């Protein structure tokens, strides 16, 4: 379920899917949402923990940008070809979020 409905919080409306939000916590070995929830729970990954499906993209060497990508995806996005997905959610934007917003 968590893979189908990522857990990004959508503001004061509380539109996060609570079931998948809880499942993300269950996948986290330390019981926190901030990691280390790993892609390897469901995907074959490279040596940096990044799903092999992102091979050939700018995301392939940046684990935290991949985390941003996954949490921005919405219903229907997982069915997109990777090339369309990375156009919709460009790496530069994910990297900016990591550099400016990570605490």
PDB file of N, CA and C in Angstrom:
ATOM      1  N   UNK A   1       0.812  -1.192   0.000  1.00  0.00           N
ATOM      2  CA  UNK A   1       0.000   0.000   0.000  1.00  0.00           C
ATOM      3  C   UNK A   1       0.863   1.265   0.000  1.00  0.00           C
ATOM      4  N   UNK A   2       1.933   1.284   0.811  1.00  0.00           N
ATOM      5  CA  UNK A   2       2.776   2.472   0.884  1.00  0.00           C
ATOM      6  C   UNK A   2       3.362   2.813  -0.483  1.00  0.00           C
ATOM      7  N   UNK A   3       3.726   1.812  -1.253  1.00  0.00           N
ATOM      8  CA  UNK A   3       4.276   2.060  -2.578  1.00  0.00           C
ATOM      9  C   UNK A   3       3.272   2.635  -3.550  1.00  0.00           C
ATOM     10  N   UNK A   4       1.988   2.341  -3.356  1.00  0.00           N
ATOM     11  CA  UNK A   4       0.952   2.864  -4.245  1.00  0.00           C
ATOM     12  C   UNK A   4       0.525   4.271  -3.864  1.00  0.00           C
ATOM     13  N   UNK A   5       0.559   4.578  -2.599  1.00  0.00           N
ATOM     14  CA  UNK A   5       0.101   5.878  -2.110  1.00  0.00           C
ATOM     15  C   UNK A   5       1.152   6.475  -1.194  1.00  0.00           C
ATOM     16  N   UNK A   6       2.147   7.164  -1.742  1.00  0.00           N
ATOM     17  CA  UNK A   6       3.196   7.747  -0.913  1.00  0.00           C
ATOM     18  C   UNK A   6       2.654   8.696   0.144  1.00  0.00           C
ATOM     19  N   UNK A   7       3.478   9.022   1.096  1.00  0.00           N
ATOM     20  CA  UNK A   7       3.001   9.636   2.327  1.00  0.00           C
ATOM     21  C   UNK A   7       3.273  11.137   2.450  1.00  0.00           C
ATOM     22  N   UNK A   8       3.522  11.814   1.368  1.00  0.00           N
ATOM     23  CA  UNK A   8       3.769  13.257   1.463  1.00  0.00           C
ATOM     24  C   UNK A   8       2.582  13.960   2.108  1.00  0.00           C
ATOM     25  N   UNK A   9       2.848  14.809   3.056  1.00  0.00           N
ATOM     26  CA  UNK A   9       1.811  15.580   3.730  1.00  0.00           C
ATOM     27  C   UNK A   9       1.384  16.733   2.831  1.00  0.00           C
ATOM     28  N   UNK A  10       0.090  16.884   2.591  1.00  0.00           N
ATOM     29  CA  UNK A  10      -0.423  17.903   1.682  1.00  0.00           C
ATOM     30  C   UNK A  10      -1.086  19.063   2.412  1.00  0.00           C
ATOM     31  N   UNK A  11      -0.439  19.576   3.423  1.00  0.00           N
ATOM     32  CA  UNK A  11      -0.936  20.784   4.065  1.00  0.00           C
ATOM     33  C   UNK A  11      -1.988  20.550   5.124  1.00  0.00           C
ATOM     34  N   UNK A  12      -2.657  21.622   5.479  1.00  0.00           N
ATOM     35  CA  UNK A  12      -3.592  21.590   6.610  1.00  0.00           C
ATOM     36  C   UNK A  12      -4.841  20.761   6.350  1.00  0.00           C
ATOM     37  N   UNK A  13      -5.102  20.414   5.111  1.00  0.00           N
ATOM     38  CA  UNK A  13      -6.269  19.571   4.823  1.00  0.00           C
ATOM     39  C   UNK A  13      -6.070  18.139   5.295  1.00  0.00           C
ATOM     40  N   UNK A  14      -4.854  17.797   5.627  1.00  0.00           N
ATOM     41  CA  UNK A  14      -4.569  16.449   6.114  1.00  0.00           C
ATOM     42  C   UNK A  14      -4.853  15.383   5.095  1.00  0.00           C
ATOM     43  N   UNK A  15      -4.464  15.626   3.842  1.00  0.00           N
ATOM     44  CA  UNK A  15      -4.820  14.706   2.768  1.00  0.00           C
ATOM     45  C   UNK A  15      -3.880  13.516   2.633  1.00  0.00           C
ATOM     46  N   UNK A  16      -2.959  13.365   3.565  1.00  0.00           N
ATOM     47  CA  UNK A  16      -2.086  12.195   3.521  1.00  0.00           C
ATOM     48  C   UNK A  16      -2.929  10.933   3.717  1.00  0.00           C
ATOM     49  N   UNK A  17      -2.585   9.881   2.984  1.00  0.00           N
ATOM     50  CA  UNK A  17      -3.280   8.609   3.159  1.00  0.00           C
ATOM     51  C   UNK A  17      -2.777   7.977   4.457  1.00  0.00           C
ATOM     52  N   UNK A  18      -3.616   7.905   5.464  1.00  0.00           N
ATOM     53  CA  UNK A  18      -3.178   7.465   6.785  1.00  0.00           C
ATOM     54  C   UNK A  18      -2.717   6.015   6.818  1.00  0.00           C
ATOM     55  N   UNK A  19      -3.332   5.159   5.993  1.00  0.00           N
ATOM     56  CA  UNK A  19      -2.921   3.757   5.953  1.00  0.00           C
ATOM     57  C   UNK A  19      -1.489   3.639   5.452  1.00  0.00           C
ATOM     58  N   UNK A  20      -1.184   4.307   4.351  1.00  0.00           N
ATOM     59  CA  UNK A  20       0.175   4.206   3.820  1.00  0.00           C
ATOM     60  C   UNK A  20       1.166   4.949   4.714  1.00  0.00           C
ATOM     61  N   UNK A  21       0.724   6.000   5.366  1.00  0.00           N
ATOM     62  CA  UNK A  21       1.582   6.718   6.308  1.00  0.00           C
ATOM     63  C   UNK A  21       2.013   5.773   7.439  1.00  0.00           C
ATOM     64  N   UNK A  22       1.075   4.999   7.938  1.00  0.00           N
ATOM     65  CA  UNK A  22       1.369   4.034   8.995  1.00  0.00           C
ATOM     66  C   UNK A  22       2.263   2.915   8.475  1.00  0.00           C
ATOM     67  N   UNK A  23       2.019   2.467   7.247  1.00  0.00           N
ATOM     68  CA  UNK A  23       2.855   1.403   6.685  1.00  0.00           C
ATOM     69  C   UNK A  23       4.288   1.858   6.484  1.00  0.00           C
ATOM     70  N   UNK A  24       4.491   3.129   6.148  1.00  0.00           N
ATOM     71  CA  UNK A  24       5.856   3.641   6.015  1.00  0.00           C
ATOM     72  C   UNK A  24       6.585   3.513   7.341  1.00  0.00           C
ATOM     73  N   UNK A  25       5.898   3.814   8.408  1.00  0.00           N
ATOM     74  CA  UNK A  25       6.499   3.694   9.737  1.00  0.00           C
ATOM     75  C   UNK A  25       6.835   2.236  10.055  1.00  0.00           C
ATOM     76  N   UNK A  26       5.967   1.320   9.650  1.00  0.00           N
ATOM     77  CA  UNK A  26       6.208  -0.090   9.913  1.00  0.00           C
ATOM     78  C   UNK A  26       7.429  -0.611   9.147  1.00  0.00           C
ATOM     79  N   UNK A  27       7.731  -0.022   7.984  1.00  0.00           N
ATOM     80  CA  UNK A  27       8.886  -0.438   7.190  1.00  0.00           C
ATOM     81  C   UNK A  27      10.193   0.134   7.718  1.00  0.00           C
ATOM     82  N   UNK A  28      10.106   1.103   8.617  1.00  0.00           N
ATOM     83  CA  UNK A  28      11.293   1.772   9.121  1.00  0.00           C
ATOM     84  C   UNK A  28      11.869   1.017  10.312  1.00  0.00           C
ATOM     85  N   UNK A  29      13.094   0.532  10.193  1.00  0.00           N
ATOM     86  CA  UNK A  29      13.665  -0.258  11.282  1.00  0.00           C
ATOM     87  C   UNK A  29      13.853   0.512  12.586  1.00  0.00           C
ATOM     88  N   UNK A  30      13.973   1.851  12.511  1.00  0.00           N
ATOM     89  CA  UNK A  30      14.153   2.605  13.748  1.00  0.00           C
ATOM     90  C   UNK A  30      12.860   3.260  14.239  1.00  0.00           C
ATOM     91  N   UNK A  31      11.728   2.983  13.570  1.00  0.00           N
ATOM     92  CA  UNK A  31      10.437   3.496  14.014  1.00  0.00           C
ATOM     93  C   UNK A  31      10.233   4.979  13.796  1.00  0.00           C
ATOM     94  N   UNK A  32      10.973   5.570  12.845  1.00  0.00           N
ATOM     95  CA  UNK A  32      10.837   6.994  12.541  1.00  0.00           C
ATOM     96  C   UNK A  32      10.528   7.171  11.066  1.00  0.00           C
ATOM     97  N   UNK A  33       9.811   8.234  10.717  1.00  0.00           N
ATOM     98  CA  UNK A  33       9.507   8.500   9.313  1.00  0.00           C
ATOM     99  C   UNK A  33      10.699   9.044   8.543  1.00  0.00           C
ATOM    100  N   UNK A  34      11.660   9.605   9.233  1.00  0.00           N
ATOM    101  CA  UNK A  34      12.789  10.250   8.555  1.00  0.00           C
ATOM    102  C   UNK A  34      13.866   9.264   8.129  1.00  0.00           C
ATOM    103  N   UNK A  35      13.621   8.004   8.196  1.00  0.00           N
ATOM    104  CA  UNK A  35      14.581   7.021   7.730  1.00  0.00           C
ATOM    105  C   UNK A  35      15.140   6.229   8.878  1.00  0.00           C
ATOM    106  N   UNK A  36      15.827   5.159   8.623  1.00  0.00           N
ATOM    107  CA  UNK A  36      16.139   4.694   7.283  1.00  0.00           C
ATOM    108  C   UNK A  36      15.093   3.747   6.688  1.00  0.00           C
ATOM    109  N   UNK A  37      14.049   4.294   6.101  1.00  0.00           N
ATOM    110  CA  UNK A  37      13.135   3.490   5.292  1.00  0.00           C
ATOM    111  C   UNK A  37      13.844   3.320   3.964  1.00  0.00           C
ATOM    112  N   UNK A  38      14.055   2.117   3.536  1.00  0.00           N
ATOM    113  CA  UNK A  38      14.834   1.923   2.318  1.00  0.00           C
ATOM    114  C   UNK A  38      13.997   1.384   1.181  1.00  0.00           C
ATOM    115  N   UNK A  39      14.412   1.742  -0.021  1.00  0.00           N
ATOM    116  CA  UNK A  39      13.756   1.269  -1.237  1.00  0.00           C
ATOM    117  C   UNK A  39      13.878  -0.249  -1.367  1.00  0.00           C
ATOM    118  N   UNK A  40      14.925  -0.814  -0.738  1.00  0.00           N
ATOM    119  CA  UNK A  40      15.202  -2.241  -0.860  1.00  0.00           C
ATOM    120  C   UNK A  40      14.117  -3.102  -0.214  1.00  0.00           C
ATOM    121  N   UNK A  41      13.213  -2.501   0.541  1.00  0.00           N
ATOM    122  CA  UNK A  41      12.112  -3.268   1.115  1.00  0.00           C
ATOM    123  C   UNK A  41      11.272  -3.905   0.010  1.00  0.00           C
ATOM    124  N   UNK A  42      11.174  -3.218  -1.139  1.00  0.00           N
ATOM    125  CA  UNK A  42      10.333  -3.727  -2.236  1.00  0.00           C
ATOM    126  C   UNK A  42      11.035  -3.786  -3.585  1.00  0.00           C
ATOM    127  N   UNK A  43      12.205  -3.143  -3.720  1.00  0.00           N
ATOM    128  CA  UNK A  43      12.857  -3.021  -5.016  1.00  0.00           C
ATOM    129  C   UNK A  43      14.278  -3.580  -4.983  1.00  0.00           C
ATOM    130  N   UNK A  44      14.757  -3.999  -6.144  1.00  0.00           N
ATOM    131  CA  UNK A  44      16.166  -4.318  -6.309  1.00  0.00           C
ATOM    132  C   UNK A  44      16.884  -2.983  -6.468  1.00  0.00           C
ATOM    133  N   UNK A  45      17.951  -2.784  -5.691  1.00  0.00           N
ATOM    134  CA  UNK A  45      18.605  -1.480  -5.653  1.00  0.00           C
ATOM    135  C   UNK A  45      20.086  -1.585  -6.009  1.00  0.00           C
ATOM    136  N   UNK A  46      20.674  -0.434  -6.348  1.00  0.00           N
ATOM    137  CA  UNK A  46      22.118  -0.388  -6.593  1.00  0.00           C
ATOM    138  C   UNK A  46      22.855  -0.287  -5.257  1.00  0.00           C
ATOM    139  N   UNK A  47      24.163  -0.106  -5.290  1.00  0.00           N
ATOM    140  CA  UNK A  47      24.950  -0.083  -4.049  1.00  0.00           C
ATOM    141  C   UNK A  47      24.691   1.167  -3.200  1.00  0.00           C
ATOM    142  N   UNK A  48      23.952   2.138  -3.729  1.00  0.00           N
ATOM    143  CA  UNK A  48      23.584   3.333  -2.958  1.00  0.00           C
ATOM    144  C   UNK A  48      22.159   3.245  -2.425  1.00  0.00           C
ATOM    145  N   UNK A  49      21.484   2.123  -2.704  1.00  0.00           N
ATOM    146  CA  UNK A  49      20.121   1.939  -2.221  1.00  0.00           C
ATOM    147  C   UNK A  49      19.056   2.500  -3.137  1.00  0.00           C
ATOM    148  N   UNK A  50      19.403   2.785  -4.387  1.00  0.00           N
ATOM    149  CA  UNK A  50      18.486   3.400  -5.342  1.00  0.00           C
ATOM    150  C   UNK A  50      17.918   2.327  -6.273  1.00  0.00           C
ATOM    151  N   UNK A  51      16.584   2.317  -6.484  1.00  0.00           N
ATOM    152  CA  UNK A  51      15.981   1.311  -7.358  1.00  0.00           C
ATOM    153  C   UNK A  51      16.610   1.291  -8.754  1.00  0.00           C
ATOM    154  N   UNK A  52      16.843   0.083  -9.247  1.00  0.00           N
ATOM    155  CA  UNK A  52      17.473  -0.087 -10.553  1.00  0.00           C
ATOM    156  C   UNK A  52      16.643   0.525 -11.678  1.00  0.00           C
ATOM    157  N   UNK A  53      15.333   0.703 -11.464  1.00  0.00           N
ATOM    158  CA  UNK A  53      14.483   1.301 -12.489  1.00  0.00           C
ATOM    159  C   UNK A  53      14.941   2.712 -12.850  1.00  0.00           C
ATOM    160  N   UNK A  54      15.674   3.379 -11.965  1.00  0.00           N
ATOM    161  CA  UNK A  54      16.128   4.747 -12.217  1.00  0.00           C
ATOM    162  C   UNK A  54      17.493   4.812 -12.899  1.00  0.00           C
ATOM    163  N   UNK A  55      18.019   3.658 -13.300  1.00  0.00           N
ATOM    164  CA  UNK A  55      19.284   3.614 -14.027  1.00  0.00           C
ATOM    165  C   UNK A  55      19.183   4.490 -15.280  1.00  0.00           C
ATOM    166  N   UNK A  56      20.242   5.263 -15.528  1.00  0.00           N
ATOM    167  CA  UNK A  56      20.250   6.130 -16.703  1.00  0.00           C
ATOM    168  C   UNK A  56      19.644   7.499 -16.461  1.00  0.00           C
ATOM    169  N   UNK A  57      19.187   7.764 -15.240  1.00  0.00           N
ATOM    170  CA  UNK A  57      18.639   9.081 -14.896  1.00  0.00           C
ATOM    171  C   UNK A  57      19.581   9.771 -13.920  1.00  0.00           C
ATOM    172  N   UNK A  58      19.364  11.067 -13.728  1.00  0.00           N
ATOM    173  CA  UNK A  58      20.174  11.812 -12.759  1.00  0.00           C
ATOM    174  C   UNK A  58      19.934  11.328 -11.334  1.00  0.00           C
ATOM    175  N   UNK A  59      18.794  10.734 -11.092  1.00  0.00           N
ATOM    176  CA  UNK A  59      18.463  10.241  -9.761  1.00  0.00           C
ATOM    177  C   UNK A  59      19.325   9.046  -9.333  1.00  0.00           C
ATOM    178  N   UNK A  60      19.925   8.346 -10.268  1.00  0.00           N
ATOM    179  CA  UNK A  60      20.557   7.062  -9.998  1.00  0.00           C
ATOM    180  C   UNK A  60      21.724   7.107  -9.022  1.00  0.00           C
ATOM    181  N   UNK A  61      22.278   8.269  -8.779  1.00  0.00           N
ATOM    182  CA  UNK A  61      23.397   8.375  -7.844  1.00  0.00           C
ATOM    183  C   UNK A  61      23.063   9.177  -6.589  1.00  0.00           C
ATOM    184  N   UNK A  62      21.798   9.520  -6.388  1.00  0.00           N
ATOM    185  CA  UNK A  62      21.428  10.413  -5.293  1.00  0.00           C
ATOM    186  C   UNK A  62      20.251   9.825  -4.508  1.00  0.00           C
ATOM    187  N   UNK A  63      20.574   9.088  -3.447  1.00  0.00           N
ATOM    188  CA  UNK A  63      19.532   8.417  -2.661  1.00  0.00           C
ATOM    189  C   UNK A  63      18.481   9.389  -2.131  1.00  0.00           C
ATOM    190  N   UNK A  64      18.907  10.513  -1.546  1.00  0.00           N
ATOM    191  CA  UNK A  64      17.939  11.416  -0.921  1.00  0.00           C
ATOM    192  C   UNK A  64      17.055  12.105  -1.944  1.00  0.00           C
ATOM    193  N   UNK A  65      17.570  12.395  -3.129  1.00  0.00           N
ATOM    194  CA  UNK A  65      16.707  12.934  -4.188  1.00  0.00           C
ATOM    195  C   UNK A  65      15.664  11.888  -4.595  1.00  0.00           C
ATOM    196  N   UNK A  66      16.050  10.618  -4.584  1.00  0.00           N
ATOM    197  CA  UNK A  66      15.090   9.543  -4.870  1.00  0.00           C
ATOM    198  C   UNK A  66      13.992   9.486  -3.819  1.00  0.00           C
ATOM    199  N   UNK A  67      14.364   9.703  -2.572  1.00  0.00           N
ATOM    200  CA  UNK A  67      13.366   9.727  -1.498  1.00  0.00           C
ATOM    201  C   UNK A  67      12.365  10.850  -1.757  1.00  0.00           C
ATOM    202  N   UNK A  68      12.850  12.017  -2.169  1.00  0.00           N
ATOM    203  CA  UNK A  68      11.962  13.132  -2.515  1.00  0.00           C
ATOM    204  C   UNK A  68      11.056  12.727  -3.675  1.00  0.00           C
ATOM    205  N   UNK A  69      11.627  12.148  -4.713  1.00  0.00           N
ATOM    206  CA  UNK A  69      10.849  11.723  -5.875  1.00  0.00           C
ATOM    207  C   UNK A  69       9.701  10.800  -5.459  1.00  0.00           C
ATOM    208  N   UNK A  70       9.991   9.795  -4.687  1.00  0.00           N
ATOM    209  CA  UNK A  70       8.976   8.825  -4.283  1.00  0.00           C
ATOM    210  C   UNK A  70       7.862   9.494  -3.482  1.00  0.00           C
ATOM    211  N   UNK A  71       8.217  10.446  -2.633  1.00  0.00           N
ATOM    212  CA  UNK A  71       7.199  11.079  -1.799  1.00  0.00           C
ATOM    213  C   UNK A  71       6.401  12.152  -2.515  1.00  0.00           C
ATOM    214  N   UNK A  72       6.856  12.586  -3.679  1.00  0.00           N
ATOM    215  CA  UNK A  72       6.069  13.523  -4.467  1.00  0.00           C
ATOM    216  C   UNK A  72       5.139  12.821  -5.445  1.00  0.00           C
ATOM    217  N   UNK A  73       5.402  11.564  -5.749  1.00  0.00           N
ATOM    218  CA  UNK A  73       4.582  10.840  -6.717  1.00  0.00           C
ATOM    219  C   UNK A  73       3.146  10.721  -6.235  1.00  0.00           C
ATOM    220  N   UNK A  74       2.242  10.676  -7.190  1.00  0.00           N
ATOM    221  CA  UNK A  74       0.824  10.573  -6.906  1.00  0.00           C
ATOM    222  C   UNK A  74       0.210   9.402  -7.665  1.00  0.00           C
ATOM    223  N   UNK A  75      -1.056   9.142  -7.390  1.00  0.00           N
ATOM    224  CA  UNK A  75      -1.768   8.043  -8.032  1.00  0.00           C
ATOM    225  C   UNK A  75      -1.593   8.113  -9.546  1.00  0.00           C
ATOM    226  N   UNK A  76      -1.249   7.012 -10.140  1.00  0.00           N
ATOM    227  CA  UNK A  76      -1.039   6.933 -11.576  1.00  0.00           C
ATOM    228  C   UNK A  76       0.414   7.127 -11.981  1.00  0.00           C
ATOM    229  N   UNK A  77       1.197   7.851 -11.175  1.00  0.00           N
ATOM    230  CA  UNK A  77       2.595   8.093 -11.523  1.00  0.00           C
ATOM    231  C   UNK A  77       3.415   6.816 -11.641  1.00  0.00           C
ATOM    232  N   UNK A  78       3.226   5.819 -10.753  1.00  0.00           N
ATOM    233  CA  UNK A  78       4.043   4.603 -10.887  1.00  0.00           C
ATOM    234  C   UNK A  78       3.846   3.868 -12.215  1.00  0.00           C
ATOM    235  N   UNK A  79       2.759   4.160 -12.934  1.00  0.00           N
ATOM    236  CA  UNK A  79       2.521   3.515 -14.226  1.00  0.00           C
ATOM    237  C   UNK A  79       3.213   4.238 -15.375  1.00  0.00           C
ATOM    238  N   UNK A  80       3.747   5.428 -15.107  1.00  0.00           N
ATOM    239  CA  UNK A  80       4.437   6.212 -16.139  1.00  0.00           C
ATOM    240  C   UNK A  80       5.774   5.587 -16.493  1.00  0.00           C
ATOM    241  N   UNK A  81       6.196   5.735 -17.751  1.00  0.00           N
ATOM    242  CA  UNK A  81       7.580   5.386 -18.070  1.00  0.00           C
ATOM    243  C   UNK A  81       8.510   6.281 -17.251  1.00  0.00           C
ATOM    244  N   UNK A  82       9.681   5.773 -16.892  1.00  0.00           N
ATOM    245  CA  UNK A  82      10.626   6.530 -16.068  1.00  0.00           C
ATOM    246  C   UNK A  82      10.974   7.861 -16.734  1.00  0.00           C
ATOM    247  N   UNK A  83      11.106   7.885 -18.052  1.00  0.00           N
ATOM    248  CA  UNK A  83      11.453   9.145 -18.741  1.00  0.00           C
ATOM    249  C   UNK A  83      10.385  10.213 -18.515  1.00  0.00           C
ATOM    250  N   UNK A  84       9.115   9.841 -18.522  1.00  0.00           N
ATOM    251  CA  UNK A  84       8.033  10.799 -18.263  1.00  0.00           C
ATOM    252  C   UNK A  84       8.010  11.212 -16.796  1.00  0.00           C
ATOM    253  N   UNK A  85       8.264  10.261 -15.929  1.00  0.00           N
ATOM    254  CA  UNK A  85       8.257  10.537 -14.496  1.00  0.00           C
ATOM    255  C   UNK A  85       9.335  11.556 -14.133  1.00  0.00           C
ATOM    256  N   UNK A  86      10.525  11.386 -14.691  1.00  0.00           N
ATOM    257  CA  UNK A  86      11.605  12.313 -14.361  1.00  0.00           C
ATOM    258  C   UNK A  86      11.423  13.673 -15.025  1.00  0.00           C
ATOM    259  N   UNK A  87      10.610  13.762 -16.069  1.00  0.00           N
ATOM    260  CA  UNK A  87      10.248  15.073 -16.624  1.00  0.00           C
ATOM    261  C   UNK A  87       9.232  15.761 -15.719  1.00  0.00           C
ATOM    262  N   UNK A  88       8.278  15.007 -15.217  1.00  0.00           N
ATOM    263  CA  UNK A  88       7.257  15.571 -14.327  1.00  0.00           C
ATOM    264  C   UNK A  88       7.877  16.019 -13.008  1.00  0.00           C
ATOM    265  N   UNK A  89       8.829  15.257 -12.503  1.00  0.00           N
ATOM    266  CA  UNK A  89       9.518  15.553 -11.246  1.00  0.00           C
ATOM    267  C   UNK A  89      11.016  15.643 -11.523  1.00  0.00           C
ATOM    268  N   UNK A  90      11.478  16.787 -12.040  1.00  0.00           N
ATOM    269  CA  UNK A  90      12.890  16.893 -12.437  1.00  0.00           C
ATOM    270  C   UNK A  90      13.848  16.781 -11.263  1.00  0.00           C
ATOM    271  N   UNK A  91      14.976  16.168 -11.535  1.00  0.00           N
ATOM    272  CA  UNK A  91      16.004  15.952 -10.520  1.00  0.00           C
ATOM    273  C   UNK A  91      16.429  17.257  -9.854  1.00  0.00           C
ATOM    274  N   UNK A  92      16.607  18.326 -10.624  1.00  0.00           N
ATOM    275  CA  UNK A  92      17.085  19.583 -10.047  1.00  0.00           C
ATOM    276  C   UNK A  92      16.156  20.068  -8.942  1.00  0.00           C
ATOM    277  N   UNK A  93      14.860  19.848  -9.092  1.00  0.00           N
ATOM    278  CA  UNK A  93      13.903  20.270  -8.062  1.00  0.00           C
ATOM    279  C   UNK A  93      14.026  19.387  -6.821  1.00  0.00           C
ATOM    280  N   UNK A  94      14.161  18.100  -7.023  1.00  0.00           N
ATOM    281  CA  UNK A  94      14.327  17.193  -5.886  1.00  0.00           C
ATOM    282  C   UNK A  94      15.613  17.512  -5.145  1.00  0.00           C
ATOM    283  N   UNK A  95      16.693  17.753  -5.878  1.00  0.00           N
ATOM    284  CA  UNK A  95      17.974  18.084  -5.267  1.00  0.00           C
ATOM    285  C   UNK A  95      17.867  19.385  -4.470  1.00  0.00           C
ATOM    286  N   UNK A  96      17.144  20.356  -5.003  1.00  0.00           N
ATOM    287  CA  UNK A  96      16.947  21.629  -4.304  1.00  0.00           C
ATOM    288  C   UNK A  96      16.222  21.416  -2.973  1.00  0.00           C
ATOM    289  N   UNK A  97      15.224  20.557  -2.982  1.00  0.00           N
ATOM    290  CA  UNK A  97      14.484  20.259  -1.760  1.00  0.00           C
ATOM    291  C   UNK A  97      15.409  19.618  -0.734  1.00  0.00           C
ATOM    292  N   UNK A  98      16.246  18.700  -1.183  1.00  0.00           N
ATOM    293  CA  UNK A  98      17.194  18.046  -0.276  1.00  0.00           C
ATOM    294  C   UNK A  98      18.161  19.075   0.314  1.00  0.00           C
ATOM    295  N   UNK A  99      18.713  19.934  -0.522  1.00  0.00           N
ATOM    296  CA  UNK A  99      19.728  20.877  -0.054  1.00  0.00           C
ATOM    297  C   UNK A  99      19.156  21.985   0.827  1.00  0.00           C
ATOM    298  N   UNK A 100      17.946  22.455   0.520  1.00  0.00           N
ATOM    299  CA  UNK A 100      17.371  23.563   1.270  1.00  0.00           C
ATOM    300  C   UNK A 100      16.466  23.142   2.397  1.00  0.00           C
ATOM    301  N   UNK A 101      15.860  21.979   2.271  1.00  0.00           N
ATOM    302  CA  UNK A 101      14.829  21.625   3.226  1.00  0.00           C
ATOM    303  C   UNK A 101      15.146  20.518   4.182  1.00  0.00           C
ATOM    304  N   UNK A 102      16.256  19.840   3.973  1.00  0.00           N
ATOM    305  CA  UNK A 102      16.553  18.689   4.824  1.00  0.00           C
ATOM    306  C   UNK A 102      17.069  19.150   6.176  1.00  0.00           C
ATOM    307  N   UNK A 103      16.551  18.554   7.230  1.00  0.00           N
ATOM    308  CA  UNK A 103      16.989  18.901   8.588  1.00  0.00           C
ATOM    309  C   UNK A 103      17.424  17.644   9.282  1.00  0.00           C
TER     310      UNK A 103
END
